[in-house]
């Protein structure tokens, strides 16, 4: 068990090291961004604290300007001021020519001091409205660099006043500042929280975060893409090697048979009867035909690679083509004590395609079913139609396929048997060729299989008018 794990790690050591390096770099970047976010949070708290410190003075100045109104000079050098209080409005008059008192303050300065003391003794709810205070708080926050709106409330002598922003929830308070206090404790407090605080702080670094994540994702995708391509190339090299071995065997066998037949004819030709000579000649012809068929399939795949294979399309009857393909295997299946059943639903199977190539594709499918029938072939072929499609099912009761084979069955050169094992003749081009031909006829092919129970291939062709 432990040795197996070590072998697996050794085989994938480069992948593991590079993956760990990328993940480590990403983790480091996230830590740096986390530190930057914490710094932004501290700066934000400092800006909010500065706002609360200056809020008392801003409100006092606002109330003072609001209460005193504008001065107007009379011809007699008298001045007036109107004071607004909860008890009403009072207009005061005095002369601006009064001399400074002994303390160095003019009467107007002294009067302003009295007004300030009077204002400070009143709760804010008696001096400003909710709208006015909201405007002051937002202006102060903006001045200190905070560009997100808060929810706020004022507490006077321990009680929540009516000066509060809409939908303020005391349970969400994150900032609590004392604005005024006495010997007995705070007399005025500002409660604050920012509904969009997290997003506001994060958006300053989210571009860096997104760029970092995107860059890391690109690296990982590219890395695993290269790894996948490498594995694919390695597998392709392996199946090509298998293909060469299988092709060598497939050509070696008929050549050896032809050589034996020719030797027999050369040595004993004069002694042979016409029927014996014809038998040897038939062997030579059969093996030669077999090699030609193999070469033809290889050439066809080569033409498909270069996109040089063109279909000679014409009107044809799919049911007739399928029947002809099945007839090729009737005798061979009967010789193996098996059966091949063809069931075609009545209807119009007229189609526009290449009769020769399509028949070749169907022949490959049926040949595949016969080869992998594990002794006695038992093959069912069914054909149906609808207004949208023609469907062909080719089912055998053979050895079936495992999951790995199912995933690669249409890959070029792939065979379930490996290396020099030739229990089933072929070179891994048949199903790849079938898929290419079916797709060129604007169709699809799929496969379902259970290991030990058999395989079903399904071909679906669009039921389209001939002129398409």
Protein backbone atom coordinates (compact mmCIF):
# COMPACT_ATOMS: atom_id res chain seq x y z
CA UNK A 1 0.00 0.00 0.00
CA UNK A 2 2.68 2.49 1.08
CA UNK A 3 4.91 1.48 -1.83
CA UNK A 4 1.99 2.00 -4.22
CA UNK A 5 1.50 5.53 -2.90
CA UNK A 6 5.21 6.27 -3.30
CA UNK A 7 5.19 4.97 -6.87
CA UNK A 8 2.17 7.13 -7.67
CA UNK A 9 3.86 10.22 -6.21
CA UNK A 10 7.05 9.53 -8.16
CA UNK A 11 5.10 9.14 -11.39
CA UNK A 12 3.34 12.44 -10.80
CA UNK A 13 6.08 14.31 -8.92
CA UNK A 14 6.31 17.19 -11.43
CA UNK A 15 2.56 17.68 -11.36
CA UNK A 16 2.50 17.66 -7.56
CA UNK A 17 5.42 20.12 -7.23
CA UNK A 18 4.04 22.62 -9.77
CA UNK A 19 0.54 22.41 -8.32
CA UNK A 20 1.90 23.01 -4.81
CA UNK A 21 3.93 25.98 -6.09
CA UNK A 22 0.91 27.61 -7.75
CA UNK A 23 -1.31 27.00 -4.73
CA UNK A 24 1.43 28.36 -2.44
CA UNK A 25 1.78 31.51 -4.53
CA UNK A 26 -1.98 31.96 -4.48
CA UNK A 27 -2.08 31.48 -0.70
CA UNK A 28 0.69 34.06 -0.24
CA UNK A 29 -1.14 36.54 -2.46
CA UNK A 30 -4.34 36.02 -0.47
CA UNK A 31 -2.44 36.69 2.75
CA UNK A 32 -1.06 39.93 1.34
CA UNK A 33 -4.52 40.99 0.23
CA UNK A 34 -5.89 40.09 3.65
CA UNK A 35 -3.28 42.37 5.25
CA UNK A 36 -4.16 45.13 2.82
CA UNK A 37 -7.83 44.73 3.69
CA UNK A 38 -7.04 44.99 7.41
CA UNK A 39 -5.07 48.18 6.75
CA UNK A 40 -8.02 49.61 4.85
CA UNK A 41 -10.31 48.76 7.78
CA UNK A 42 -8.05 50.56 10.27
CA UNK A 43 -7.87 53.61 8.02
CA UNK A 44 -11.66 53.54 7.69
CA UNK A 45 -12.11 53.45 11.48
CA UNK A 46 -9.71 56.37 11.82
CA UNK A 47 -11.67 58.40 9.26
CA UNK A 48 -14.96 57.70 11.04
CA UNK A 49 -13.38 58.64 14.40
CA UNK A 50 -12.12 61.93 12.99
CA UNK A 51 -15.65 62.66 11.77
CA UNK A 52 -17.14 62.10 15.24
CA UNK A 53 -14.51 64.33 16.85
CA UNK A 54 -15.41 67.30 14.66
CA UNK A 55 -19.14 66.65 14.63
CA UNK A 56 -19.87 68.67 17.82
CA UNK A 57 -18.20 71.77 16.41
CA UNK A 58 -19.93 71.39 13.03
CA UNK A 59 -23.36 71.10 14.66
CA UNK A 60 -22.64 74.05 16.99
CA UNK A 61 -21.62 76.26 14.08
CA UNK A 62 -24.62 75.16 12.06
CA UNK A 63 -27.05 75.89 14.90
CA UNK A 64 -25.38 79.21 15.61
CA UNK A 65 -25.71 80.35 12.00
CA UNK A 66 -29.24 79.08 11.90
CA UNK A 67 -30.24 80.80 15.15
CA UNK A 68 -28.54 84.17 14.75
CA UNK A 69 -29.60 84.80 11.17
CA UNK A 70 -28.09 87.78 9.35
CA UNK A 71 -27.01 91.06 10.96
CA UNK A 72 -28.42 94.27 9.58
CA UNK A 73 -26.96 97.75 10.23
CA UNK A 74 -29.30 100.65 10.94
CA UNK A 75 -28.57 104.29 10.20
CA UNK A 76 -28.27 104.93 13.95
CA UNK A 77 -25.44 102.35 14.08
CA UNK A 78 -27.68 99.86 15.97
CA UNK A 79 -27.49 96.11 15.38
CA UNK A 80 -30.20 93.46 15.76
CA UNK A 81 -30.14 89.69 16.11
CA UNK A 82 -33.00 87.18 16.23
CA UNK A 83 -32.63 84.17 18.53
CA UNK A 84 -34.73 81.06 17.92
CA UNK A 85 -35.40 78.89 20.98
CA UNK A 86 -38.00 76.29 21.92
CA UNK A 87 -39.93 79.10 23.68
CA UNK A 88 -40.14 81.14 20.49
CA UNK A 89 -38.21 83.93 18.74
CA UNK A 90 -36.69 86.98 20.49
CA UNK A 91 -35.22 90.01 18.72
CA UNK A 92 -32.42 91.88 20.52
CA UNK A 93 -30.98 95.28 19.60
CA UNK A 94 -27.73 96.96 20.62
CA UNK A 95 -25.28 99.57 19.41
CA UNK A 96 -22.11 98.49 17.67
CA UNK A 97 -20.23 101.48 19.05
CA UNK A 98 -19.95 100.09 22.56
CA UNK A 99 -16.43 100.03 23.91
CA UNK A 100 -14.63 96.83 25.02
CA UNK A 101 -15.03 95.87 28.65
CA UNK A 102 -12.26 95.33 31.09
CA UNK A 103 -11.77 91.70 30.02
CA UNK A 104 -11.09 92.77 26.44
CA UNK A 105 -14.33 91.39 24.93
CA UNK A 106 -16.88 93.48 23.19
CA UNK A 107 -20.50 93.23 24.15
CA UNK A 108 -21.24 91.27 20.94
CA UNK A 109 -18.61 88.66 21.78
CA UNK A 110 -20.01 88.27 25.23
CA UNK A 111 -23.48 87.90 23.77
CA UNK A 112 -22.32 85.22 21.39
CA UNK A 113 -20.80 83.33 24.30
CA UNK A 114 -24.11 83.46 26.12
CA UNK A 115 -25.85 82.10 23.05
CA UNK A 116 -23.34 79.22 22.77
CA UNK A 117 -23.85 78.28 26.42
CA UNK A 118 -27.58 78.40 25.95
CA UNK A 119 -27.39 76.17 22.88
CA UNK A 120 -25.11 73.65 24.54
CA UNK A 121 -27.62 73.18 27.32
CA UNK A 122 -30.31 72.13 24.84
CA UNK A 123 -30.60 68.62 23.31
CA UNK A 124 -29.78 68.37 19.62
CA UNK A 125 -33.32 67.26 18.87
CA UNK A 126 -34.46 70.75 19.89
CA UNK A 127 -31.91 72.47 17.63
CA UNK A 128 -31.64 70.49 14.37
CA UNK A 129 -33.87 68.22 12.34
CA UNK A 130 -33.11 64.67 11.27
CA UNK A 131 -32.55 65.78 7.67
CA UNK A 132 -30.17 68.57 8.71
CA UNK A 133 -28.10 66.30 10.97
CA UNK A 134 -28.01 63.57 8.32
CA UNK A 135 -26.64 66.13 5.85
CA UNK A 136 -23.99 67.28 8.34
CA UNK A 137 -22.85 63.71 9.16
CA UNK A 138 -22.60 62.68 5.49
CA UNK A 139 -20.75 65.89 4.61
CA UNK A 140 -18.24 65.31 7.42
CA UNK A 141 -17.70 61.69 6.39
CA UNK A 142 -17.16 62.72 2.79
CA UNK A 143 -14.71 65.41 3.86
CA UNK A 144 -12.72 62.78 5.76
CA UNK A 145 -12.63 60.38 2.79
CA UNK A 146 -15.53 58.06 3.67
CA UNK A 147 -17.73 57.59 0.60
CA UNK A 148 -20.41 55.26 1.87
CA UNK A 149 -23.64 56.23 3.63
CA UNK A 150 -24.12 55.26 7.30
CA UNK A 151 -27.06 54.45 9.50
CA UNK A 152 -26.84 56.59 12.61
CA UNK A 153 -28.63 57.65 15.80
CA UNK A 154 -28.10 60.16 18.62
CA UNK A 155 -28.36 59.11 22.27
CA UNK A 156 -29.16 61.95 24.73
CA UNK A 157 -28.60 61.25 28.46
CA UNK A 158 -28.79 57.50 27.90
CA UNK A 159 -31.97 57.57 25.80
CA UNK A 160 -32.26 57.07 22.04
CA UNK A 161 -33.56 60.34 20.62
CA UNK A 162 -35.75 60.87 17.59
CA UNK A 163 -32.64 61.97 15.68
CA UNK A 164 -31.90 58.75 13.79
CA UNK A 165 -31.63 57.71 10.18
CA UNK A 166 -34.41 55.67 8.62
CA UNK A 167 -34.47 51.96 9.54
CA UNK A 168 -31.68 52.33 12.11
CA UNK A 169 -31.13 49.05 14.02
CA UNK A 170 -29.29 49.50 17.36
CA UNK A 171 -28.25 45.80 17.30
CA UNK A 172 -26.09 46.43 14.23
CA UNK A 173 -24.12 49.29 15.77
CA UNK A 174 -20.37 48.99 15.14
CA UNK A 175 -19.23 52.53 16.16
CA UNK A 176 -20.15 54.28 19.44
CA UNK A 177 -18.63 57.73 20.05
CA UNK A 178 -19.12 60.02 23.08
CA UNK A 179 -19.81 63.55 21.86
CA UNK A 180 -20.43 65.19 25.27
CA UNK A 181 -20.15 64.08 28.88
CA UNK A 182 -20.59 65.28 32.42
CA UNK A 183 -19.47 64.23 35.87
CA UNK A 184 -22.12 61.48 35.80
CA UNK A 185 -21.12 60.06 32.41
CA UNK A 186 -21.84 60.58 28.71
CA UNK A 187 -24.62 63.01 27.92
CA UNK A 188 -24.56 62.68 24.14
CA UNK A 189 -23.45 59.72 22.01
CA UNK A 190 -23.31 58.97 18.30
CA UNK A 191 -24.15 55.42 17.21
CA UNK A 192 -23.05 54.39 13.70
CA UNK A 193 -22.92 51.44 11.37
CA UNK A 194 -22.40 51.11 7.64
CA UNK A 195 -24.64 48.59 5.80
CA UNK A 196 -22.19 48.31 2.89
CA UNK A 197 -19.01 48.53 4.99
CA UNK A 198 -17.60 45.15 3.94
CA UNK A 199 -18.15 45.77 0.25
CA UNK A 200 -16.84 49.34 0.57
CA UNK A 201 -13.61 48.12 2.15
CA UNK A 202 -13.25 45.12 -0.13
CA UNK A 203 -13.78 47.01 -3.36
CA UNK A 204 -10.51 48.85 -2.81
CA UNK A 205 -8.66 45.58 -3.07
CA UNK A 206 -11.11 43.48 -5.05
CA UNK A 207 -9.45 44.35 -8.36
CA UNK A 208 -6.16 43.01 -7.05
CA UNK A 209 -7.97 39.97 -5.66
CA UNK A 210 -9.79 39.25 -8.92
CA UNK A 211 -6.62 39.76 -10.96
CA UNK A 212 -4.73 37.42 -8.63
CA UNK A 213 -7.40 34.74 -8.76
CA UNK A 214 -7.73 35.08 -12.52
CA UNK A 215 -3.98 34.87 -13.04
CA UNK A 216 -3.73 31.81 -10.79
CA UNK A 217 -6.69 30.18 -12.53
CA UNK A 218 -5.08 30.78 -15.93
CA UNK A 219 -1.83 29.21 -14.70
CA UNK A 220 -3.63 26.18 -13.30
CA UNK A 221 -5.79 25.72 -16.40
CA UNK A 222 -2.77 26.07 -18.68
CA UNK A 223 -0.73 23.69 -16.55
CA UNK A 224 -3.40 21.00 -16.38
CA UNK A 225 -4.10 21.54 -20.08
CA UNK A 226 -0.46 20.84 -20.86
CA UNK A 227 -0.51 17.83 -18.56
CA UNK A 228 -3.64 16.51 -20.23
CA UNK A 229 -2.19 17.08 -23.67
CA UNK A 230 0.98 15.29 -22.59
CA UNK A 231 -1.00 12.28 -21.36
CA UNK A 232 -3.01 12.31 -24.57
CA UNK A 233 0.16 12.34 -26.67
CA UNK A 234 1.62 9.55 -24.58
CA UNK A 235 -1.52 7.46 -25.04
CA UNK A 236 -1.52 8.25 -28.76
CA UNK A 237 2.06 7.04 -29.01
CA UNK A 238 1.09 3.83 -27.23
CA UNK A 239 -1.92 3.12 -29.46
CA UNK A 240 0.10 3.96 -32.56
CA UNK A 241 2.67 1.42 -31.41
CA UNK A 242 -0.15 -1.09 -30.96
CA UNK A 243 -1.44 -0.16 -34.40
CA UNK A 244 1.94 -0.85 -36.01
CA UNK A 245 2.17 -4.21 -34.24
CA UNK A 246 -1.36 -5.15 -35.23
CA UNK A 247 -0.91 -3.98 -38.82
CA UNK A 248 2.29 -6.01 -39.07
CA UNK A 249 0.44 -9.06 -37.88
CA UNK A 250 -2.55 -8.41 -40.14
CA UNK A 251 -0.30 -8.18 -43.21
CA UNK A 252 2.04 -10.94 -42.13
CA UNK A 253 -0.73 -13.53 -41.85
CA UNK A 254 -2.21 -13.13 -45.37
CA UNK A 255 1.27 -12.80 -46.91
CA UNK A 256 2.33 -16.05 -45.25
CA UNK A 257 -0.84 -17.73 -46.49
CA UNK A 258 -0.28 -16.44 -50.03
CA UNK A 259 3.34 -17.58 -49.88
CA UNK A 260 2.32 -21.10 -48.85
CA UNK A 261 -0.31 -21.27 -51.58
CA UNK A 262 2.13 -20.08 -54.25
CA UNK A 263 4.78 -22.56 -53.05
CA UNK A 264 2.25 -25.38 -53.28
CA UNK A 265 1.27 -24.34 -56.79
CA UNK A 266 4.91 -24.08 -57.90
CA UNK A 267 5.90 -27.46 -56.45
CA UNK A 268 2.79 -29.52 -57.12
CA UNK A 269 0.96 -27.53 -59.75
CA UNK A 270 1.47 -30.14 -62.45
CA UNK A 271 0.04 -32.89 -60.24
CA UNK A 272 -3.00 -30.90 -59.07
CA UNK A 273 -6.47 -31.32 -60.46
CA UNK A 274 -8.21 -28.20 -61.74
CA UNK A 275 -10.40 -28.06 -58.62
CA UNK A 276 -7.34 -28.23 -56.30
CA UNK A 277 -5.56 -25.53 -58.29
CA UNK A 278 -8.69 -23.37 -58.20
CA UNK A 279 -8.86 -23.83 -54.42
CA UNK A 280 -5.30 -22.50 -53.96
CA UNK A 281 -5.97 -19.62 -56.33
CA UNK A 282 -9.10 -18.73 -54.36
CA UNK A 283 -6.98 -18.61 -51.19
CA UNK A 284 -4.55 -16.21 -52.85
CA UNK A 285 -7.40 -14.04 -54.12
CA UNK A 286 -9.17 -14.02 -50.74
CA UNK A 287 -6.03 -13.02 -48.82
CA UNK A 288 -5.15 -10.41 -51.41
CA UNK A 289 -8.65 -8.95 -51.12
CA UNK A 290 -8.27 -8.91 -47.36
CA UNK A 291 -5.04 -6.89 -47.56
CA UNK A 292 -6.60 -4.51 -50.06
CA UNK A 293 -9.52 -3.90 -47.68
CA UNK A 294 -7.11 -3.13 -44.86
CA UNK A 295 -5.09 -0.74 -47.00
CA UNK A 296 -8.30 0.92 -48.19
CA UNK A 297 -9.43 1.63 -44.63
CA UNK A 298 -6.04 3.16 -43.77
CA UNK A 299 -6.11 5.31 -46.91
CA UNK A 300 -9.65 6.44 -46.13
CA UNK A 301 -8.62 7.59 -42.65
CA UNK A 302 -5.63 9.39 -44.14
CA UNK A 303 -7.93 11.19 -46.56
CA UNK A 304 -10.20 12.18 -43.67
CA UNK A 305 -7.21 13.62 -41.82
CA UNK A 306 -6.48 15.81 -44.83
CA UNK A 307 -10.22 16.48 -45.36
CA UNK A 308 -9.87 15.08 -48.86
CA UNK A 309 -12.60 12.45 -48.51
CA UNK A 310 -15.72 13.67 -50.28
CA UNK A 311 -19.06 11.91 -50.36
CA UNK A 312 -20.71 11.09 -53.67
CA UNK A 313 -24.24 11.79 -52.46
CA UNK A 314 -27.34 10.59 -54.24
CA UNK A 315 -30.80 9.37 -53.34
CA UNK A 316 -30.73 5.98 -51.63
CA UNK A 317 -32.92 3.73 -49.52
CA UNK A 318 -31.32 3.19 -46.12
CA UNK A 319 -33.30 0.00 -45.51
CA UNK A 320 -31.91 -1.55 -48.70
CA UNK A 321 -28.34 -0.56 -47.78
CA UNK A 322 -28.74 -2.05 -44.29
CA UNK A 323 -30.23 -5.26 -45.71
CA UNK A 324 -27.29 -5.65 -48.11
CA UNK A 325 -24.80 -5.09 -45.27
CA UNK A 326 -26.49 -7.76 -43.15
CA UNK A 327 -26.47 -10.26 -46.04
CA UNK A 328 -22.65 -10.13 -46.12
CA UNK A 329 -22.52 -11.72 -42.66
CA UNK A 330 -25.40 -14.22 -42.84
CA UNK A 331 -23.25 -17.14 -43.96
CA UNK A 332 -20.35 -16.38 -41.59
CA UNK A 333 -22.72 -16.15 -38.60
CA UNK A 334 -24.50 -19.40 -39.55
CA UNK A 335 -21.15 -21.21 -39.79
CA UNK A 336 -20.55 -20.26 -36.15
CA UNK A 337 -23.96 -21.67 -35.18
CA UNK A 338 -25.22 -18.16 -34.45
CA UNK A 339 -27.96 -15.89 -35.75
CA UNK A 340 -28.39 -12.34 -36.93
CA UNK A 341 -31.88 -10.85 -36.76
CA UNK A 342 -32.92 -7.82 -38.85
CA UNK A 343 -36.13 -5.97 -38.00
CA UNK A 344 -37.08 -2.94 -40.12
CA UNK A 345 -40.25 -1.01 -39.34
CA UNK A 346 -42.29 -0.35 -42.45
CA UNK A 347 -42.00 3.14 -43.90
CA UNK A 348 -40.15 5.43 -46.25
CA UNK A 349 -36.38 5.28 -45.69
CA UNK A 350 -35.33 7.47 -48.59
CA UNK A 351 -32.17 9.42 -47.78
CA UNK A 352 -29.59 11.58 -49.55
CA UNK A 353 -26.07 10.24 -49.01
CA UNK A 354 -23.11 8.23 -50.27
CA UNK A 355 -24.37 4.66 -50.63
CA UNK A 356 -20.91 3.08 -50.79
CA UNK A 357 -19.43 4.86 -47.77
CA UNK A 358 -22.59 4.48 -45.69
CA UNK A 359 -22.74 0.76 -46.45
CA UNK A 360 -19.08 0.48 -45.47
CA UNK A 361 -19.83 2.13 -42.12
CA UNK A 362 -22.73 -0.26 -41.43
CA UNK A 363 -20.58 -3.22 -42.47
CA UNK A 364 -17.91 -2.17 -39.97
CA UNK A 365 -20.52 -1.97 -37.19
CA UNK A 366 -21.91 -5.43 -37.92
CA UNK A 367 -18.40 -6.88 -38.35
CA UNK A 368 -17.50 -5.46 -34.94
CA UNK A 369 -20.57 -7.15 -33.43
CA UNK A 370 -19.60 -10.51 -34.98
CA UNK A 371 -15.95 -10.27 -33.86
CA UNK A 372 -16.79 -9.56 -30.23
CA UNK A 373 -19.66 -12.05 -29.87
CA UNK A 374 -17.53 -14.39 -27.74
CA UNK A 375 -18.15 -17.63 -29.63
CA UNK A 376 -21.67 -17.91 -30.99
CA UNK A 377 -22.83 -14.64 -32.54
CA UNK A 378 -26.26 -13.44 -31.44
CA UNK A 379 -26.94 -10.11 -33.12
CA UNK A 380 -30.11 -8.04 -33.28
CA UNK A 381 -30.42 -5.16 -35.74
CA UNK A 382 -33.41 -2.85 -35.63
CA UNK A 383 -34.34 0.12 -37.80
CA UNK A 384 -37.12 2.62 -37.10
CA UNK A 385 -38.12 6.03 -38.38
CA UNK A 386 -40.02 9.13 -37.28
CA UNK A 387 -40.77 12.49 -38.80
CA UNK A 388 -37.47 13.80 -37.43
CA UNK A 389 -34.97 10.95 -37.66
CA UNK A 390 -33.99 7.45 -38.77
CA UNK A 391 -32.62 5.20 -36.02
CA UNK A 392 -30.47 2.07 -36.39
CA UNK A 393 -29.65 -0.17 -33.40
CA UNK A 394 -26.96 -2.88 -33.64
CA UNK A 395 -26.88 -5.08 -30.55
CA UNK A 396 -24.67 -8.06 -29.77
CA UNK A 397 -24.56 -10.41 -26.76
CA UNK A 398 -20.79 -10.50 -26.65
CA UNK A 399 -18.06 -9.64 -24.20
CA UNK A 400 -19.11 -6.00 -23.73
CA UNK A 401 -16.83 -3.14 -22.76
CA UNK A 402 -15.57 -1.63 -19.52
CA UNK A 403 -15.69 2.09 -18.69
CA UNK A 404 -12.21 2.82 -20.01
CA UNK A 405 -12.92 1.14 -23.34
CA UNK A 406 -16.25 2.97 -23.71
CA UNK A 407 -14.48 6.32 -23.33
CA UNK A 408 -11.98 5.49 -26.10
CA UNK A 409 -13.89 3.18 -28.43
CA UNK A 410 -14.18 5.80 -31.20
CA UNK A 411 -10.55 6.94 -30.90
CA UNK A 412 -8.36 6.21 -33.88
CA UNK A 413 -6.05 3.17 -33.52
CA UNK A 414 -7.63 2.20 -30.20
CA UNK A 415 -8.30 -1.46 -29.53
CA UNK A 416 -9.45 -3.13 -26.32
CA UNK A 417 -6.72 -5.74 -26.77
CA UNK A 418 -3.15 -4.51 -26.34
CA UNK A 419 0.26 -5.18 -27.82
CA UNK A 420 0.65 -8.47 -29.66
CA UNK A 421 -2.61 -10.00 -28.47
CA UNK A 422 -4.64 -10.78 -31.56
CA UNK A 423 -7.65 -12.71 -30.33
CA UNK A 424 -9.72 -10.28 -32.43
CA UNK A 425 -8.39 -9.26 -35.81
CA UNK A 426 -8.23 -5.59 -36.75
CA UNK A 427 -6.16 -2.47 -36.34
CA UNK A 428 -8.38 -0.02 -34.47
CA UNK A 429 -9.64 2.05 -37.40
CA UNK A 430 -13.11 0.57 -37.89
CA UNK A 431 -15.21 2.47 -35.34
CA UNK A 432 -13.27 5.68 -35.90
CA UNK A 433 -14.07 5.36 -39.60
CA UNK A 434 -17.75 4.64 -38.82
CA UNK A 435 -18.02 7.75 -36.66
CA UNK A 436 -16.44 9.94 -39.37
CA UNK A 437 -18.81 8.62 -42.08
CA UNK A 438 -21.93 8.94 -39.89
CA UNK A 439 -21.04 12.52 -38.94
CA UNK A 440 -20.42 13.40 -42.59
CA UNK A 441 -24.00 12.25 -43.20
CA UNK A 442 -25.12 14.71 -40.49
CA UNK A 443 -25.81 11.91 -38.04
CA UNK A 444 -24.66 10.80 -34.61
CA UNK A 445 -23.46 7.50 -33.19
CA UNK A 446 -23.44 6.46 -29.53
CA UNK A 447 -22.71 3.26 -27.63
CA UNK A 448 -23.97 1.55 -24.50
CA UNK A 449 -22.32 -1.55 -23.08
CA UNK A 450 -22.29 -3.81 -20.06
CA UNK A 451 -19.19 -5.90 -19.56
CA UNK A 452 -20.01 -9.57 -20.04
CA UNK A 453 -23.52 -8.88 -21.41
CA UNK A 454 -23.01 -7.15 -24.75
CA UNK A 455 -22.92 -3.84 -26.59
CA UNK A 456 -25.48 -1.69 -28.45
CA UNK A 457 -24.52 0.90 -31.06
CA UNK A 458 -27.11 3.54 -31.94
CA UNK A 459 -26.99 5.51 -35.20
CA UNK A 460 -29.35 8.47 -35.66
CA UNK A 461 -29.75 10.29 -38.99
CA UNK A 462 -31.81 13.41 -39.52
CA UNK A 463 -34.92 12.85 -41.61
CA UNK A 464 -34.40 15.75 -44.01
CA UNK A 465 -35.57 16.46 -47.57
CA UNK A 466 -33.24 15.38 -50.40
CA UNK A 467 -32.57 18.91 -51.62
CA UNK A 468 -30.92 19.80 -48.30
